[in-house]
Amino acid sequence: MKYLLLLLVLGVLWVSWKKRQVPPASPRAPEKPASAMLLCAHCGVHFPEGDGVSADGQAFCSAAHREASRQR
């Protein structure tokens, strides 16, 4: 019985030692910076700067809203 207990203790020590030997995971790549959010001059929806269109110094969420604003 004492040999079984000794074997169990040695097994736990061996497993914990092996876990420490594993190299840490590589750091994640830095995330790309967030883009600026703009407000559509026609409908008031916020959208990322790269997804919209602009005309006459105003930003629009789509070309359809740009045209609708011009017709008003």
C-alpha atoms as a PDB file:
ATOM      1  CA  MET A   1       0.000   0.000   0.000  1.00  0.00           C
ATOM      2  CA  LYS A   2       2.821   2.421   0.843  1.00  0.00           C
ATOM      3  CA  TYR A   3       4.399   1.781  -2.601  1.00  0.00           C
ATOM      4  CA  LEU A   4       1.131   2.674  -4.293  1.00  0.00           C
ATOM      5  CA  LEU A   5       0.963   5.927  -2.342  1.00  0.00           C
ATOM      6  CA  LEU A   6       4.613   6.681  -3.145  1.00  0.00           C
ATOM      7  CA  LEU A   7       3.954   5.984  -6.839  1.00  0.00           C
ATOM      8  CA  LEU A   8       0.938   8.301  -6.779  1.00  0.00           C
ATOM      9  CA  VAL A   9       2.937  11.151  -5.174  1.00  0.00           C
ATOM     10  CA  LEU A  10       5.769  10.689  -7.661  1.00  0.00           C
ATOM     11  CA  GLY A  11       3.265  10.707 -10.526  1.00  0.00           C
ATOM     12  CA  VAL A  12       1.717  13.977  -9.351  1.00  0.00           C
ATOM     13  CA  LEU A  13       5.167  15.544  -8.992  1.00  0.00           C
ATOM     14  CA  TRP A  14       6.193  14.345 -12.449  1.00  0.00           C
ATOM     15  CA  VAL A  15       3.011  15.721 -14.094  1.00  0.00           C
ATOM     16  CA  SER A  16       3.388  19.103 -12.381  1.00  0.00           C
ATOM     17  CA  TRP A  17       7.068  19.258 -13.425  1.00  0.00           C
ATOM     18  CA  LYS A  18       6.168  18.433 -17.035  1.00  0.00           C
ATOM     19  CA  LYS A  19       3.543  21.178 -17.117  1.00  0.00           C
ATOM     20  CA  ARG A  20       6.182  23.719 -16.106  1.00  0.00           C
ATOM     21  CA  GLN A  21       8.437  22.556 -18.940  1.00  0.00           C
ATOM     22  CA  VAL A  22       5.891  23.541 -21.625  1.00  0.00           C
ATOM     23  CA  PRO A  23       6.926  26.864 -23.192  1.00  0.00           C
ATOM     24  CA  PRO A  24       4.393  29.670 -22.781  1.00  0.00           C
ATOM     25  CA  ALA A  25       2.133  30.404 -25.713  1.00  0.00           C
ATOM     26  CA  SER A  26       3.410  32.992 -28.139  1.00  0.00           C
ATOM     27  CA  PRO A  27       1.947  36.458 -27.622  1.00  0.00           C
ATOM     28  CA  ARG A  28      -0.963  37.379 -29.833  1.00  0.00           C
ATOM     29  CA  ALA A  29      -0.433  39.730 -32.703  1.00  0.00           C
ATOM     30  CA  PRO A  30      -1.498  43.272 -31.860  1.00  0.00           C
ATOM     31  CA  GLU A  31      -4.975  44.123 -33.018  1.00  0.00           C
ATOM     32  CA  LYS A  32      -5.388  46.708 -35.715  1.00  0.00           C
ATOM     33  CA  PRO A  33      -6.434  50.098 -34.380  1.00  0.00           C
ATOM     34  CA  ALA A  34     -10.105  50.952 -34.405  1.00  0.00           C
ATOM     35  CA  SER A  35     -11.247  53.208 -37.206  1.00  0.00           C
ATOM     36  CA  ALA A  36     -13.037  56.467 -36.557  1.00  0.00           C
ATOM     37  CA  MET A  37     -16.821  56.362 -36.503  1.00  0.00           C
ATOM     38  CA  LEU A  38     -18.717  58.901 -38.565  1.00  0.00           C
ATOM     39  CA  LEU A  39     -22.344  59.996 -38.522  1.00  0.00           C
ATOM     40  CA  CYS A  40     -24.386  59.723 -41.734  1.00  0.00           C
ATOM     41  CA  ALA A  41     -25.680  63.173 -42.692  1.00  0.00           C
ATOM     42  CA  HIS A  42     -28.863  61.634 -44.116  1.00  0.00           C
ATOM     43  CA  CYS A  43     -30.029  58.970 -41.642  1.00  0.00           C
ATOM     44  CA  GLY A  44     -27.891  59.577 -38.542  1.00  0.00           C
ATOM     45  CA  VAL A  45     -26.392  56.069 -38.402  1.00  0.00           C
ATOM     46  CA  HIS A  46     -22.830  55.708 -37.104  1.00  0.00           C
ATOM     47  CA  PHE A  47     -20.500  53.814 -39.454  1.00  0.00           C
ATOM     48  CA  PRO A  48     -16.736  53.180 -39.774  1.00  0.00           C
ATOM     49  CA  GLU A  49     -14.861  55.821 -41.704  1.00  0.00           C
ATOM     50  CA  GLY A  50     -13.650  53.372 -44.351  1.00  0.00           C
ATOM     51  CA  ASP A  51     -17.145  52.051 -45.162  1.00  0.00           C
ATOM     52  CA  GLY A  52     -18.832  55.307 -46.116  1.00  0.00           C
ATOM     53  CA  VAL A  53     -18.752  57.896 -48.869  1.00  0.00           C
ATOM     54  CA  SER A  54     -18.402  61.645 -48.631  1.00  0.00           C
ATOM     55  CA  ALA A  55     -19.580  64.620 -50.646  1.00  0.00           C
ATOM     56  CA  ASP A  56     -19.603  68.351 -50.014  1.00  0.00           C
ATOM     57  CA  GLY A  57     -17.764  67.899 -46.710  1.00  0.00           C
ATOM     58  CA  GLN A  58     -20.419  65.542 -45.319  1.00  0.00           C
ATOM     59  CA  ALA A  59     -20.178  61.823 -44.646  1.00  0.00           C
ATOM     60  CA  PHE A  60     -22.803  59.292 -45.755  1.00  0.00           C
ATOM     61  CA  CYS A  61     -23.200  55.605 -44.943  1.00  0.00           C
ATOM     62  CA  SER A  62     -23.922  54.689 -48.573  1.00  0.00           C
ATOM     63  CA  ALA A  63     -24.018  56.117 -52.059  1.00  0.00           C
ATOM     64  CA  ALA A  64     -27.819  55.877 -52.000  1.00  0.00           C
ATOM     65  CA  HIS A  65     -27.993  58.209 -48.979  1.00  0.00           C
ATOM     66  CA  ARG A  66     -25.550  60.597 -50.652  1.00  0.00           C
ATOM     67  CA  GLU A  67     -27.847  60.787 -53.700  1.00  0.00           C
ATOM     68  CA  ALA A  68     -30.961  61.099 -51.531  1.00  0.00           C
ATOM     69  CA  SER A  69     -29.388  64.001 -49.689  1.00  0.00           C
ATOM     70  CA  ARG A  70     -28.537  65.747 -52.949  1.00  0.00           C
ATOM     71  CA  GLN A  71     -32.173  65.460 -54.124  1.00  0.00           C
ATOM     72  CA  ARG A  72     -33.538  67.182 -51.018  1.00  0.00           C
END
